[in-house]
Amino acid sequence: MKATIWHNPDCGTSRKALAILQETAGVDVTVIEYKKTPFDHAKLVQLFADAGLSALEALRTRGSPAEELGLIEGADEDRILDEMAANAVLVERPFVETDKGVRLCRPLERIHEIL
């Protein structure tokens, strides 16, 4: 099974998700450090749709400029997506995609739904 993780090595939850993927037999992992290789608008739309989330639900509010940018209340989906594409820290993490679907693995146990 192929798996892609949008990873932040500074995040404990992201490191734990990556470890689960690497330790699961038969999983071929692709790691995208999204701070180095940022998301584009179309990929965010696809990931969020496949995960069943709105951009607002996938918005990282803690440790990000989301509030200062006015994204928490009143911003539309496209504006949030554009800001996320411009500033990857606004995307909650980690996102994992496999043949079985996409999950925002927070809580971490959600990763097992797609393995």
Protein backbone atom coordinates (compact mmCIF):
# COMPACT_ATOMS: atom_id res chain seq x y z
CA MET A 1 0.00 0.00 0.00
CA LYS A 2 1.21 3.48 -0.82
CA ALA A 3 0.89 6.22 1.78
CA THR A 4 1.72 9.91 1.61
CA ILE A 5 2.14 12.00 4.73
CA TRP A 6 2.26 15.78 4.72
CA HIS A 7 4.74 16.03 7.54
CA ASN A 8 6.21 18.59 9.89
CA PRO A 9 9.25 17.11 11.65
CA ASP A 10 8.86 19.66 14.47
CA CYS A 11 5.42 18.24 15.37
CA GLY A 12 5.23 15.31 17.78
CA THR A 13 1.94 14.03 16.37
CA SER A 14 3.35 14.17 12.86
CA ARG A 15 6.49 12.28 13.93
CA LYS A 16 4.34 9.60 15.61
CA ALA A 17 2.15 9.24 12.51
CA LEU A 18 5.24 8.85 10.34
CA ALA A 19 6.60 6.20 12.71
CA ILE A 20 3.33 4.24 12.48
CA LEU A 21 3.49 4.34 8.69
CA GLN A 22 7.15 3.28 8.63
CA GLU A 23 6.52 0.44 11.09
CA THR A 24 3.46 -0.94 9.28
CA ALA A 25 4.38 -3.87 7.06
CA GLY A 26 3.63 -3.39 3.38
CA VAL A 27 3.35 0.40 3.51
CA ASP A 28 5.46 2.36 1.03
CA VAL A 29 5.70 5.86 2.51
CA THR A 30 6.21 9.14 0.68
CA VAL A 31 7.05 12.02 3.01
CA ILE A 32 6.29 15.57 1.97
CA GLU A 33 7.67 18.16 4.35
CA TYR A 34 5.04 20.73 3.55
CA LYS A 35 7.02 23.66 4.92
CA LYS A 36 9.67 22.92 2.26
CA THR A 37 7.20 21.83 -0.43
CA PRO A 38 4.06 23.89 0.20
CA PHE A 39 0.55 22.84 -0.69
CA ASP A 40 -1.16 24.29 -3.71
CA HIS A 41 -4.80 25.36 -3.69
CA ALA A 42 -5.98 22.37 -5.78
CA LYS A 43 -4.23 19.80 -3.56
CA LEU A 44 -5.75 21.33 -0.45
CA VAL A 45 -9.22 21.18 -2.02
CA GLN A 46 -8.70 17.51 -2.91
CA LEU A 47 -7.28 16.52 0.50
CA PHE A 48 -10.01 18.27 2.45
CA ALA A 49 -12.80 16.88 0.23
CA ASP A 50 -11.41 13.35 0.54
CA ALA A 51 -11.09 13.76 4.31
CA GLY A 52 -14.62 15.19 4.59
CA LEU A 53 -13.38 18.48 6.04
CA SER A 54 -13.94 22.12 5.26
CA ALA A 55 -10.96 24.44 5.04
CA LEU A 56 -12.05 25.97 8.34
CA GLU A 57 -12.04 22.52 9.99
CA ALA A 58 -8.50 21.91 8.69
CA LEU A 59 -7.25 25.33 9.78
CA ARG A 60 -4.51 25.31 12.39
CA THR A 61 -5.39 28.01 14.87
CA ARG A 62 -2.84 27.30 17.59
CA GLY A 63 0.64 28.57 16.79
CA SER A 64 -0.43 30.14 13.52
CA PRO A 65 -1.47 33.59 12.32
CA ALA A 66 -5.03 32.40 11.57
CA GLU A 67 -6.70 34.80 13.98
CA GLU A 68 -4.59 37.79 12.95
CA LEU A 69 -5.48 37.09 9.31
CA GLY A 70 -9.19 37.04 10.14
CA LEU A 71 -9.63 33.41 9.09
CA ILE A 72 -11.38 32.02 12.15
CA GLU A 73 -14.59 34.00 11.82
CA GLY A 74 -16.15 35.11 8.59
CA ALA A 75 -13.55 34.09 6.00
CA ASP A 76 -14.85 32.08 3.05
CA GLU A 77 -13.36 28.75 1.91
CA ASP A 78 -11.40 30.20 -0.99
CA ARG A 79 -9.76 32.85 1.16
CA ILE A 80 -8.77 30.26 3.76
CA LEU A 81 -7.42 27.95 1.04
CA ASP A 82 -5.45 30.78 -0.58
CA GLU A 83 -3.92 31.74 2.77
CA MET A 84 -3.08 28.07 3.50
CA ALA A 85 -1.37 27.73 0.12
CA ALA A 86 0.64 30.88 0.85
CA ASN A 87 1.47 29.91 4.45
CA ALA A 88 1.62 26.16 5.14
CA VAL A 89 1.69 26.67 8.92
CA LEU A 90 -2.05 27.39 8.64
CA VAL A 91 -2.79 23.75 7.75
CA GLU A 92 -3.42 21.40 10.67
CA ARG A 93 -1.25 18.32 10.64
CA PRO A 94 -0.59 15.59 9.82
CA PHE A 95 -2.59 14.67 6.74
CA VAL A 96 -2.14 11.12 5.47
CA GLU A 97 -3.41 9.75 2.16
CA THR A 98 -3.59 6.06 1.20
CA ASP A 99 -5.60 4.02 -1.28
CA LYS A 100 -8.27 3.83 1.44
CA GLY A 101 -8.69 7.59 1.82
CA VAL A 102 -7.39 10.71 3.49
CA ARG A 103 -7.38 11.56 7.17
CA LEU A 104 -6.28 14.43 9.29
CA CYS A 105 -4.60 12.22 11.87
CA ARG A 106 -5.56 14.22 14.90
CA PRO A 107 -6.23 12.36 17.06
CA LEU A 108 -3.45 10.06 15.93
CA GLU A 109 -5.65 6.96 16.05
CA ARG A 110 -7.44 8.10 12.87
CA ILE A 111 -4.46 6.87 10.87
CA HIS A 112 -5.61 3.28 11.43
CA GLU A 113 -8.85 3.98 9.53
CA ILE A 114 -6.88 4.16 6.27
CA LEU A 115 -4.25 1.47 6.81
